[in-house]
Amino acid sequence: MSGGYLRRILEGKLDGEELERLPRGFQRIGHVAILSLPPELWERRREIGEALLGKNGIRTVAVKVGGMEGRERRPRLEVVAGDRETVTLHREHGCSFKLDPLKVMFSPGNLYERGRIPKLVQPGEVVVDLFAGVGQFSLPIAKLARPSRVYAVELNPVAYGYLCENIRLNGLGGVVVPILGDCERVAPRGVADRVILGILHVTHRYLPLAGQVLKPSGGTIHYHESVPVSLHRVRPVRRVREAFPDREVEILGVRKVKGYAPGVVHVVVDARIGPRSNF
């Protein structure tokens, strides 16, 4: 929801300068609203949270206290208002996701992207999601497309537990195969028509792995990266090309997913990777 909405409900509770410092919007996951507040509003966080309670079914308000933590991508959030029960049911793209947004990562800002990928998957494809989380890419693909198999790999045992529960909840056990562990060790090799690399910051390190996961005949990768705006059409493409020096690389598209930080954007590169040289 927009910053205008926040300003409207907080008029009379914050002064003019504080209203101007409110974020442009907030995230909504099930009944939980998540705010990112500037330091100047930190002391008013509980009052801001209380104002959101009850609006459009919001029962819990949390604020970010830092970035994702560790390889397991654990959120750093503090509940400032409402119900302390943060396990929730979130629905999008015809799927239901049970999760605790205080314990596992789930980015509402990737909503369009999670709906875009299933439209690209061809009937019978094998898809490998290397950073599956609670199933936010894997389940819509299985639900909305007609893949023969989706391998969903997740390192965080809490997220993996929700992934397994969400597969059952959506009746997708015949299509989605959950795999617990470090994708470099446990991801199936040589099986995929399509590979999703849906994390940020260190994603380029996993490009060689994506090449191993693809079938020897090649396939498509969806490579996500956070990158300075000035480099967003250059660096991600260069990294994809450099990761496959002995294979043909066709860049199918570069798309901005969302703003990530001041001067930084989250982009995704769709690329067709050709056959291995010894194929």
Protein backbone atom coordinates (compact mmCIF):
# COMPACT_ATOMS: atom_id res chain seq x y z
CA MET A 1 0.00 0.00 0.00
CA SER A 2 1.12 3.55 -0.74
CA GLY A 3 2.75 6.13 1.47
CA GLY A 4 -0.33 8.31 0.89
CA TYR A 5 -2.36 5.71 2.73
CA LEU A 6 0.05 5.74 5.68
CA ARG A 7 -0.02 9.52 5.82
CA ARG A 8 -3.81 9.60 5.80
CA ILE A 9 -4.23 7.22 8.71
CA LEU A 10 -1.48 8.93 10.74
CA GLU A 11 -2.58 12.53 10.22
CA GLY A 12 -3.07 14.12 13.61
CA LYS A 13 -0.80 11.55 15.26
CA LEU A 14 2.48 12.59 13.62
CA ASP A 15 3.64 16.12 12.83
CA GLY A 16 4.20 17.32 9.26
CA GLU A 17 7.89 16.50 9.17
CA GLU A 18 7.27 13.00 10.52
CA LEU A 19 4.51 12.42 7.98
CA GLU A 20 6.94 13.29 5.19
CA ARG A 21 9.43 10.74 6.51
CA LEU A 22 6.96 7.84 6.36
CA PRO A 23 7.92 5.12 3.86
CA ARG A 24 6.14 5.09 0.51
CA GLY A 25 4.46 1.82 1.46
CA PHE A 26 4.67 -1.39 3.45
CA GLN A 27 4.67 -5.11 2.84
CA ARG A 28 1.69 -7.32 3.56
CA ILE A 29 2.06 -11.08 4.14
CA GLY A 30 -1.18 -12.67 5.26
CA HIS A 31 -2.33 -10.78 8.37
CA VAL A 32 1.14 -9.33 9.03
CA ALA A 33 2.18 -5.83 7.89
CA ILE A 34 5.93 -5.15 7.69
CA LEU A 35 7.33 -1.61 7.80
CA SER A 36 10.77 -0.24 7.05
CA LEU A 37 11.14 2.98 9.08
CA PRO A 38 13.89 5.62 8.96
CA PRO A 39 15.84 6.23 12.21
CA GLU A 40 13.94 9.49 12.77
CA LEU A 41 10.68 7.55 13.23
CA TRP A 42 12.05 4.69 15.32
CA GLU A 43 10.68 6.08 18.59
CA ARG A 44 7.23 6.34 17.01
CA ARG A 45 7.18 2.77 15.67
CA ARG A 46 4.61 1.45 18.15
CA GLU A 47 2.24 4.35 17.52
CA ILE A 48 2.59 3.88 13.77
CA GLY A 49 1.99 0.15 14.16
CA GLU A 50 -1.12 0.67 16.29
CA ALA A 51 -2.60 2.91 13.59
CA LEU A 52 -2.38 0.08 11.05
CA LEU A 53 -4.13 -2.54 13.19
CA GLY A 54 -7.52 -3.58 11.88
CA LYS A 55 -7.01 -1.97 8.48
CA ASN A 56 -7.89 -4.50 5.76
CA GLY A 57 -7.46 -7.44 8.14
CA ILE A 58 -4.04 -6.47 9.54
CA ARG A 59 -3.66 -8.08 12.96
CA THR A 60 0.12 -7.81 13.44
CA VAL A 61 2.59 -5.05 12.60
CA ALA A 62 6.35 -5.64 12.53
CA VAL A 63 9.25 -3.37 11.63
CA LYS A 64 12.58 -4.25 10.04
CA VAL A 65 15.56 -4.01 12.38
CA GLY A 66 18.15 -5.16 9.84
CA GLY A 67 18.72 -7.11 6.66
CA MET A 68 18.48 -10.82 6.04
CA GLU A 69 20.76 -12.81 8.33
CA GLY A 70 23.08 -15.63 7.27
CA ARG A 71 22.92 -18.15 4.47
CA GLU A 72 19.51 -19.26 5.70
CA ARG A 73 18.12 -15.78 4.92
CA ARG A 74 16.49 -15.19 8.30
CA PRO A 75 14.54 -11.91 8.54
CA ARG A 76 15.33 -9.45 11.34
CA LEU A 77 11.98 -8.05 12.45
CA GLU A 78 10.37 -6.78 15.65
CA VAL A 79 6.63 -6.99 16.38
CA VAL A 80 5.52 -3.53 17.50
CA ALA A 81 1.74 -3.86 17.58
CA GLY A 82 -1.04 -6.43 17.65
CA ASP A 83 -1.13 -10.20 17.78
CA ARG A 84 2.17 -11.90 18.66
CA GLU A 85 1.14 -14.96 16.62
CA THR A 86 2.89 -14.39 13.33
CA VAL A 87 2.30 -17.70 11.55
CA THR A 88 -0.05 -16.73 8.75
CA LEU A 89 -1.65 -17.89 5.51
CA HIS A 90 -0.76 -15.83 2.46
CA ARG A 91 -2.48 -16.30 -0.90
CA GLU A 92 -1.28 -15.35 -4.36
CA HIS A 93 -1.39 -16.76 -7.90
CA GLY A 94 -3.91 -19.41 -6.89
CA CYS A 95 -1.62 -20.83 -4.19
CA SER A 96 -1.76 -20.76 -0.40
CA PHE A 97 1.44 -20.27 1.58
CA LYS A 98 1.68 -20.99 5.27
CA LEU A 99 4.71 -19.28 6.82
CA ASP A 100 6.06 -17.18 9.66
CA PRO A 101 7.46 -13.98 8.09
CA LEU A 102 9.50 -13.38 11.24
CA LYS A 103 11.41 -16.62 10.63
CA VAL A 104 11.57 -17.11 6.87
CA MET A 105 12.05 -14.83 3.87
CA PHE A 106 9.09 -13.96 1.65
CA SER A 107 9.23 -10.84 -0.54
CA PRO A 108 5.85 -9.46 -1.66
CA GLY A 109 7.76 -7.18 -4.03
CA ASN A 110 8.42 -10.19 -6.28
CA LEU A 111 4.70 -10.81 -6.86
CA TYR A 112 4.72 -10.06 -10.59
CA GLU A 113 7.85 -12.13 -11.16
CA ARG A 114 6.33 -15.15 -9.42
CA GLY A 115 3.37 -14.92 -11.79
CA ARG A 116 5.51 -14.31 -14.88
CA ILE A 117 7.67 -17.44 -14.74
CA PRO A 118 4.83 -20.02 -14.92
CA LYS A 119 3.76 -18.45 -18.22
CA LEU A 120 7.18 -19.27 -19.67
CA VAL A 121 7.31 -22.91 -18.56
CA GLN A 122 6.47 -25.35 -21.35
CA PRO A 123 4.50 -28.57 -20.81
CA GLY A 124 6.71 -31.42 -19.64
CA GLU A 125 9.62 -29.27 -18.51
CA VAL A 126 11.77 -30.14 -15.51
CA VAL A 127 12.39 -27.08 -13.32
CA VAL A 128 14.95 -26.73 -10.53
CA ASP A 129 14.46 -23.94 -8.00
CA LEU A 130 17.82 -23.63 -6.23
CA PHE A 131 16.61 -21.31 -3.43
CA ALA A 132 13.00 -22.38 -2.99
CA GLY A 133 12.11 -20.82 0.36
CA VAL A 134 8.53 -21.76 1.26
CA GLY A 135 7.75 -22.49 -2.40
CA GLN A 136 7.05 -18.99 -3.67
CA PHE A 137 8.31 -19.80 -7.19
CA SER A 138 8.00 -23.58 -7.23
CA LEU A 139 4.33 -23.81 -6.28
CA PRO A 140 2.91 -21.31 -8.81
CA ILE A 141 4.95 -23.04 -11.52
CA ALA A 142 3.52 -26.42 -10.53
CA LYS A 143 0.00 -25.00 -10.17
CA LEU A 144 -0.25 -22.76 -13.23
CA ALA A 145 2.03 -24.50 -15.74
CA ARG A 146 2.35 -28.17 -16.66
CA PRO A 147 5.89 -29.18 -15.72
CA SER A 148 6.69 -32.85 -15.35
CA ARG A 149 8.70 -32.14 -12.19
CA VAL A 150 9.79 -29.23 -10.01
CA TYR A 151 12.75 -29.79 -7.69
CA ALA A 152 12.60 -27.27 -4.85
CA VAL A 153 15.90 -26.98 -2.94
CA GLU A 154 16.04 -25.13 0.39
CA LEU A 155 18.80 -24.77 2.97
CA ASN A 156 16.83 -23.27 5.89
CA PRO A 157 15.13 -26.12 7.80
CA VAL A 158 12.32 -23.84 9.00
CA ALA A 159 11.55 -22.68 5.46
CA TYR A 160 11.86 -26.28 4.26
CA GLY A 161 9.24 -27.35 6.79
CA TYR A 162 6.82 -24.76 5.46
CA LEU A 163 7.72 -25.74 1.89
CA CYS A 164 6.71 -29.34 2.58
CA GLU A 165 3.51 -28.21 4.31
CA ASN A 166 2.64 -25.88 1.41
CA ILE A 167 3.16 -28.65 -1.14
CA ARG A 168 0.58 -30.71 0.77
CA LEU A 169 -1.70 -27.71 1.30
CA ASN A 170 -1.86 -27.06 -2.44
CA GLY A 171 -2.09 -30.71 -3.48
CA LEU A 172 1.13 -30.61 -5.49
CA GLY A 173 2.95 -33.62 -4.07
CA GLY A 174 2.87 -35.37 -7.42
CA VAL A 175 4.86 -32.58 -9.09
CA VAL A 176 7.04 -30.75 -6.54
CA VAL A 177 9.95 -32.60 -4.94
CA PRO A 178 11.35 -30.79 -1.86
CA ILE A 179 15.06 -31.19 -1.14
CA LEU A 180 16.65 -30.03 2.13
CA GLY A 181 20.25 -28.89 2.07
CA ASP A 182 22.91 -26.75 0.45
CA CYS A 183 22.08 -26.58 -3.26
CA GLU A 184 25.75 -26.97 -4.18
CA ARG A 185 25.67 -30.40 -2.56
CA VAL A 186 22.14 -31.68 -3.05
CA ALA A 187 20.76 -30.13 -6.25
CA PRO A 188 20.19 -32.76 -8.96
CA ARG A 189 22.62 -32.51 -11.86
CA GLY A 190 21.89 -32.73 -15.56
CA VAL A 191 18.09 -32.83 -15.23
CA ALA A 192 16.69 -29.32 -15.74
CA ASP A 193 15.16 -27.54 -18.69
CA ARG A 194 14.90 -24.42 -16.52
CA VAL A 195 16.75 -23.21 -13.40
CA ILE A 196 15.67 -20.41 -11.04
CA LEU A 197 18.33 -18.54 -9.06
CA GLY A 198 16.06 -16.41 -6.90
CA ILE A 199 18.37 -14.92 -4.28
CA LEU A 200 20.39 -11.70 -4.27
CA HIS A 201 23.91 -10.48 -3.42
CA VAL A 202 25.77 -13.76 -4.01
CA THR A 203 23.77 -15.20 -6.88
CA HIS A 204 26.59 -14.98 -9.43
CA ARG A 205 28.55 -17.54 -7.42
CA TYR A 206 25.90 -20.13 -8.26
CA LEU A 207 25.84 -19.62 -12.03
CA PRO A 208 28.31 -22.49 -12.66
CA LEU A 209 26.08 -24.73 -10.54
CA ALA A 210 23.08 -23.75 -12.68
CA GLY A 211 25.04 -24.94 -15.71
CA GLN A 212 25.60 -28.32 -14.05
CA VAL A 213 21.92 -28.61 -13.13
CA LEU A 214 20.76 -27.94 -16.68
CA LYS A 215 20.48 -30.87 -19.06
CA PRO A 216 23.58 -31.44 -21.24
CA SER A 217 21.51 -30.12 -24.14
CA GLY A 218 21.12 -26.79 -22.32
CA GLY A 219 18.13 -24.82 -21.14
CA THR A 220 16.93 -21.56 -19.59
CA ILE A 221 18.07 -19.80 -16.43
CA HIS A 222 16.43 -16.95 -14.51
CA TYR A 223 19.24 -15.12 -12.76
CA HIS A 224 18.46 -12.52 -10.06
CA GLU A 225 20.87 -9.81 -8.94
CA SER A 226 20.89 -6.57 -6.92
CA VAL A 227 22.89 -4.03 -8.87
CA PRO A 228 23.54 -0.26 -9.04
CA VAL A 229 21.05 1.42 -11.37
CA SER A 230 23.84 2.61 -13.65
CA LEU A 231 24.99 -0.99 -14.21
CA HIS A 232 21.69 -2.82 -14.22
CA ARG A 233 21.72 -3.70 -17.93
CA VAL A 234 25.45 -4.42 -18.05
CA ARG A 235 26.83 -6.25 -15.02
CA PRO A 236 24.22 -9.03 -14.68
CA VAL A 237 24.48 -9.86 -18.39
CA ARG A 238 28.29 -9.85 -18.23
CA ARG A 239 28.25 -12.20 -15.25
CA VAL A 240 25.96 -14.64 -17.04
CA ARG A 241 28.14 -14.66 -20.14
CA GLU A 242 31.36 -15.05 -18.12
CA ALA A 243 29.93 -18.02 -16.22
CA PHE A 244 29.54 -20.04 -19.45
CA PRO A 245 32.65 -19.29 -21.56
CA ASP A 246 32.40 -22.54 -23.52
CA ARG A 247 28.67 -22.46 -24.16
CA GLU A 248 26.46 -20.33 -26.33
CA VAL A 249 24.52 -17.75 -24.28
CA GLU A 250 21.44 -16.01 -25.63
CA ILE A 251 20.07 -13.19 -23.46
CA LEU A 252 16.29 -13.40 -23.72
CA GLY A 253 15.57 -10.39 -21.55
CA VAL A 254 16.63 -8.18 -18.64
CA ARG A 255 13.82 -6.98 -16.39
CA LYS A 256 13.70 -4.72 -13.36
CA VAL A 257 11.86 -6.58 -10.60
CA LYS A 258 11.78 -3.75 -8.04
CA GLY A 259 13.78 -1.02 -6.36
CA TYR A 260 16.00 -2.52 -3.70
CA ALA A 261 17.78 0.39 -2.01
CA PRO A 262 18.65 3.99 -2.96
CA GLY A 263 20.47 3.72 -6.28
CA VAL A 264 20.15 -0.09 -6.35
CA VAL A 265 17.64 -2.23 -8.23
CA HIS A 266 16.72 -5.91 -8.26
CA VAL A 267 16.86 -7.28 -11.81
CA VAL A 268 16.33 -10.67 -13.40
CA VAL A 269 18.10 -11.93 -16.51
CA ASP A 270 16.42 -14.60 -18.61
CA ALA A 271 19.05 -16.47 -20.59
CA ARG A 272 19.15 -19.51 -22.84
CA ILE A 273 22.29 -21.57 -22.21
CA GLY A 274 23.40 -23.77 -25.08
CA PRO A 275 24.61 -27.39 -24.98
CA ARG A 276 27.75 -28.42 -23.14
CA SER A 277 30.80 -28.53 -25.36
CA ASN A 278 31.08 -32.31 -25.03
CA PHE A 279 27.38 -32.96 -25.69
